[in-house]
N, C-alpha and C. Protein backbone atom coordinates (compact mmCIF):
# COMPACT_ATOMS: atom_id res chain seq x y z
N MET A 1 -42.43 22.04 -25.57
CA MET A 1 -42.36 23.74 -25.25
C MET A 1 -41.87 23.77 -26.64
N ASP A 2 -42.48 25.15 -27.40
CA ASP A 2 -42.12 25.75 -28.57
C ASP A 2 -40.70 26.24 -28.52
N GLN A 3 -40.65 26.49 -29.71
CA GLN A 3 -38.61 26.37 -30.11
C GLN A 3 -38.46 28.05 -29.10
N ARG A 4 -40.03 29.30 -29.52
CA ARG A 4 -39.29 30.27 -29.20
C ARG A 4 -39.07 30.31 -27.61
N ARG A 5 -39.65 29.77 -26.91
CA ARG A 5 -39.20 29.37 -25.64
C ARG A 5 -38.48 29.00 -24.85
N GLN A 6 -38.12 27.63 -25.46
CA GLN A 6 -36.77 26.89 -25.78
C GLN A 6 -35.71 27.84 -25.87
N ARG A 7 -35.66 28.57 -26.65
CA ARG A 7 -34.53 29.56 -27.10
C ARG A 7 -34.48 30.61 -25.65
N LEU A 8 -35.37 31.01 -25.38
CA LEU A 8 -35.13 32.04 -24.47
C LEU A 8 -34.86 31.28 -22.87
N ARG A 9 -34.94 30.01 -22.61
CA ARG A 9 -34.74 29.11 -21.58
C ARG A 9 -33.26 28.62 -21.89
N GLU A 10 -32.77 28.26 -22.93
CA GLU A 10 -31.76 28.47 -23.33
C GLU A 10 -30.45 29.60 -23.15
N SER A 11 -31.09 30.68 -23.40
CA SER A 11 -30.14 31.88 -23.63
C SER A 11 -29.84 32.34 -21.98
N ASP A 12 -30.69 32.16 -21.05
CA ASP A 12 -30.90 33.23 -19.97
C ASP A 12 -30.55 32.32 -18.94
N PRO A 13 -29.40 32.40 -17.81
CA PRO A 13 -29.09 31.69 -17.29
C PRO A 13 -30.28 31.58 -15.70
N ILE A 14 -31.27 32.56 -15.97
CA ILE A 14 -32.09 32.19 -14.58
C ILE A 14 -33.29 30.71 -15.07
N LEU A 15 -33.65 30.89 -16.34
CA LEU A 15 -34.59 30.27 -17.10
C LEU A 15 -33.91 28.85 -16.95
N ASN A 16 -32.43 28.72 -17.34
CA ASN A 16 -32.05 27.64 -17.66
C ASN A 16 -31.39 26.94 -16.60
N LEU A 17 -32.00 27.03 -15.23
CA LEU A 17 -31.72 26.62 -13.65
C LEU A 17 -32.40 25.04 -13.78
N PRO A 18 -32.11 24.19 -12.92
CA PRO A 18 -32.76 23.29 -12.66
C PRO A 18 -34.07 23.25 -12.76
N ASN A 19 -34.95 22.24 -12.94
CA ASN A 19 -36.34 22.16 -12.71
C ASN A 19 -37.15 23.21 -11.58
N PRO A 20 -37.92 23.55 -11.51
CA PRO A 20 -38.54 24.96 -10.52
C PRO A 20 -38.56 24.08 -9.60
N ASP A 21 -39.02 22.93 -9.88
CA ASP A 21 -39.09 22.02 -8.66
C ASP A 21 -38.11 21.74 -7.57
N MET A 22 -36.64 21.27 -7.87
CA MET A 22 -35.97 21.05 -7.68
C MET A 22 -35.08 22.28 -6.96
N LEU A 23 -35.70 23.57 -6.99
CA LEU A 23 -34.72 25.02 -6.36
C LEU A 23 -35.85 24.19 -4.76
N GLY A 24 -36.58 23.86 -4.95
CA GLY A 24 -36.95 23.74 -3.53
C GLY A 24 -36.13 22.98 -2.54
N GLY A 25 -35.12 21.97 -3.06
CA GLY A 25 -34.25 21.50 -2.32
C GLY A 25 -33.15 22.32 -2.31
N MET A 26 -32.54 23.03 -3.08
CA MET A 26 -31.68 23.97 -3.13
C MET A 26 -31.52 25.11 -1.85
N THR A 27 -30.31 25.62 -1.31
CA THR A 27 -30.60 26.50 -0.26
C THR A 27 -30.46 28.10 -1.44
N ALA A 28 -30.60 28.98 -0.46
CA ALA A 28 -30.33 30.28 -1.17
C ALA A 28 -28.88 30.87 -1.69
N LYS A 29 -27.87 29.69 -1.17
CA LYS A 29 -26.44 30.13 -1.28
C LYS A 29 -26.25 29.18 -2.59
N GLN A 30 -26.78 27.93 -2.82
CA GLN A 30 -26.50 26.94 -3.68
C GLN A 30 -27.28 27.71 -4.90
N GLU A 31 -28.15 28.17 -5.03
CA GLU A 31 -29.17 29.25 -5.73
C GLU A 31 -28.33 30.07 -6.34
N ALA A 32 -27.50 30.93 -5.94
CA ALA A 32 -26.85 31.94 -6.44
C ALA A 32 -25.44 31.32 -6.80
N LYS A 33 -24.74 30.27 -6.24
CA LYS A 33 -23.80 29.60 -6.52
C LYS A 33 -24.31 29.09 -8.58
N SER A 34 -25.37 28.54 -8.44
CA SER A 34 -25.40 28.24 -9.59
C SER A 34 -25.66 28.77 -10.68
N LEU A 35 -26.27 30.07 -10.14
CA LEU A 35 -26.56 31.48 -11.16
C LEU A 35 -25.01 31.84 -11.66
N LEU A 36 -24.35 32.58 -10.37
CA LEU A 36 -22.74 32.92 -10.91
C LEU A 36 -22.46 31.95 -11.68
N GLU A 37 -22.67 30.75 -11.60
CA GLU A 37 -21.55 29.54 -12.51
C GLU A 37 -22.14 29.76 -13.82
N LYS A 38 -23.17 29.76 -14.53
CA LYS A 38 -23.87 30.18 -15.47
C LYS A 38 -23.62 31.50 -16.54
N LEU A 39 -23.65 32.42 -15.43
CA LEU A 39 -23.22 33.98 -16.11
C LEU A 39 -22.13 33.78 -16.68
N PRO A 40 -21.51 35.27 -17.99
CA PRO A 40 -21.07 35.01 -18.47
C PRO A 40 -19.65 36.06 -17.33
N ASP A 41 -18.26 35.41 -17.41
CA ASP A 41 -17.42 35.93 -16.74
C ASP A 41 -17.44 37.43 -17.01
N ASN A 42 -17.34 37.87 -18.15
CA ASN A 42 -17.87 39.49 -17.92
C ASN A 42 -19.09 40.30 -17.62
N CYS A 43 -19.58 39.53 -16.82
CA CYS A 43 -21.35 40.37 -16.64
C CYS A 43 -20.81 41.61 -15.52
N SER A 44 -21.86 42.28 -15.66
CA SER A 44 -21.57 43.25 -14.45
C SER A 44 -21.99 43.12 -13.24
N ILE A 45 -21.88 43.75 -11.77
CA ILE A 45 -22.68 43.40 -10.76
C ILE A 45 -24.14 43.43 -10.88
N GLU A 46 -24.51 44.55 -11.77
CA GLU A 46 -26.12 45.23 -12.12
C GLU A 46 -26.69 43.74 -12.37
N ASP A 47 -25.86 43.05 -13.68
CA ASP A 47 -26.31 41.84 -14.25
C ASP A 47 -26.76 40.83 -12.96
N ILE A 48 -25.49 40.98 -11.89
CA ILE A 48 -25.71 39.72 -11.39
C ILE A 48 -27.17 40.13 -10.24
N GLN A 49 -27.00 41.56 -9.77
CA GLN A 49 -27.88 41.97 -9.11
C GLN A 49 -29.55 41.49 -9.69
N TYR A 50 -29.61 41.85 -10.90
CA TYR A 50 -30.87 41.31 -11.86
C TYR A 50 -31.17 40.22 -11.86
N HIS A 51 -30.33 39.36 -12.08
CA HIS A 51 -30.74 38.15 -12.06
C HIS A 51 -31.25 37.41 -10.68
N LEU A 52 -30.34 37.78 -9.66
CA LEU A 52 -30.69 37.42 -8.68
C LEU A 52 -32.26 37.62 -7.82
N TYR A 53 -32.52 38.97 -8.74
CA TYR A 53 -34.09 39.70 -8.42
C TYR A 53 -34.89 38.96 -9.02
N VAL A 54 -34.41 38.33 -10.02
CA VAL A 54 -35.64 37.80 -10.95
C VAL A 54 -35.58 36.20 -10.26
N LEU A 55 -34.50 35.62 -10.07
CA LEU A 55 -34.50 33.84 -9.33
C LEU A 55 -35.56 34.39 -8.06
N GLU A 56 -34.97 35.60 -6.96
CA GLU A 56 -36.22 35.75 -6.00
C GLU A 56 -37.48 35.56 -6.54
N LYS A 57 -38.13 36.26 -6.87
CA LYS A 57 -38.85 36.50 -7.88
C LYS A 57 -39.85 35.03 -8.15
N VAL A 58 -39.01 34.57 -8.89
CA VAL A 58 -39.66 33.17 -9.87
C VAL A 58 -39.93 32.39 -8.28
N ARG A 59 -38.86 32.44 -7.48
CA ARG A 59 -39.04 31.41 -6.18
C ARG A 59 -40.12 31.61 -5.37
N SER A 60 -40.39 33.30 -5.00
CA SER A 60 -41.82 33.53 -4.50
C SER A 60 -42.93 33.21 -4.99
N GLY A 61 -42.84 33.53 -6.66
CA GLY A 61 -43.92 33.35 -7.14
C GLY A 61 -44.35 31.45 -6.97
N LEU A 62 -42.95 31.00 -7.23
CA LEU A 62 -43.41 29.59 -7.30
C LEU A 62 -43.93 28.89 -5.93
N ASP A 63 -43.42 29.30 -4.78
CA ASP A 63 -43.78 29.03 -3.30
C ASP A 63 -45.65 29.59 -3.55
N ASP A 64 -45.70 30.88 -3.79
CA ASP A 64 -47.20 31.08 -3.70
C ASP A 64 -48.06 30.43 -4.52
N ALA A 65 -47.71 30.14 -5.47
CA ALA A 65 -48.20 28.81 -6.20
C ALA A 65 -48.85 27.76 -5.72
N ARG A 66 -47.75 27.10 -4.92
CA ARG A 66 -47.74 26.08 -4.13
C ARG A 66 -48.64 26.25 -2.78
N LYS A 67 -48.86 26.90 -2.48
CA LYS A 67 -49.73 27.55 -1.21
C LYS A 67 -51.05 27.95 -1.51
N ASN A 68 -51.08 28.38 -2.88
CA ASN A 68 -52.52 29.56 -2.69
C ASN A 68 -52.98 28.74 -4.07
N GLY A 69 -52.03 27.24 -4.82
CA GLY A 69 -53.04 27.17 -6.07
C GLY A 69 -52.62 28.28 -7.35
N ALA A 70 -52.51 27.72 -8.73
CA ALA A 70 -52.50 28.47 -9.59
C ALA A 70 -53.90 28.16 -10.86
N ILE A 71 -53.36 29.47 -11.39
CA ILE A 71 -54.68 28.79 -12.82
C ILE A 71 -53.60 28.21 -13.44
N SER A 72 -54.72 27.75 -14.98
CA SER A 72 -54.45 26.80 -15.99
C SER A 72 -53.34 28.40 -16.89
N GLN A 73 -52.37 27.51 -17.96
CA GLN A 73 -52.17 28.75 -18.78
C GLN A 73 -53.42 28.91 -19.60
N GLU A 74 -54.43 28.60 -19.97
CA GLU A 74 -55.48 28.96 -21.05
C GLU A 74 -56.40 29.78 -19.95
N ASP A 75 -56.37 29.57 -18.88
CA ASP A 75 -57.28 30.73 -18.13
C ASP A 75 -56.53 31.99 -17.89
N ALA A 76 -55.32 31.70 -17.95
CA ALA A 76 -54.82 33.39 -17.77
C ALA A 76 -54.76 33.70 -19.39
N GLU A 77 -54.77 33.17 -20.26
CA GLU A 77 -54.77 33.53 -21.78
C GLU A 77 -56.16 34.38 -21.60
N SER A 78 -57.18 33.70 -21.33
CA SER A 78 -58.53 34.31 -21.77
C SER A 78 -58.37 35.11 -20.51
N ARG A 79 -58.20 35.25 -19.67
CA ARG A 79 -58.49 36.33 -18.59
C ARG A 79 -57.51 38.08 -19.32
N LEU A 80 -56.29 37.44 -19.88
CA LEU A 80 -55.60 38.72 -20.34
C LEU A 80 -56.12 39.15 -21.47
N SER A 81 -57.01 38.30 -22.25
CA SER A 81 -57.29 38.34 -23.42
C SER A 81 -58.65 39.99 -23.38
N LYS A 82 -59.16 39.07 -22.34
CA LYS A 82 -60.48 40.24 -22.23
C LYS A 82 -59.48 41.46 -21.68
N TRP A 83 -58.76 42.00 -21.24
CA TRP A 83 -58.22 43.19 -20.73
C TRP A 83 -57.72 43.56 -21.54
N LEU A 84 -56.80 42.88 -23.03
CA LEU A 84 -56.07 43.72 -23.88
C LEU A 84 -56.93 43.76 -24.92
N SER A 85 -58.09 43.21 -25.06
CA SER A 85 -59.04 43.81 -25.98
C SER A 85 -59.81 44.77 -26.16
N GLU A 86 -60.08 45.50 -24.80
CA GLU A 86 -61.00 46.35 -24.68
C GLU A 86 -60.08 47.84 -24.75
């Protein structure tokens, strides 16, 4: 993992959750508790809502990837480069 991704992962409670494969074994309540424990004490309700939203989107994306497969990072970058270069 490159340094930028590592710093991002360490600074964001959502990205600093256990291995995404482990989330499958956690209940929604356990995920929410884990998230709340990682957020600073002075966070707002909006901060909590945002992080719960992101957590749900990550979970949804992982579930979709398990069911339907996913493309490699290299393929994703190749596809995006075609859009961005036009």
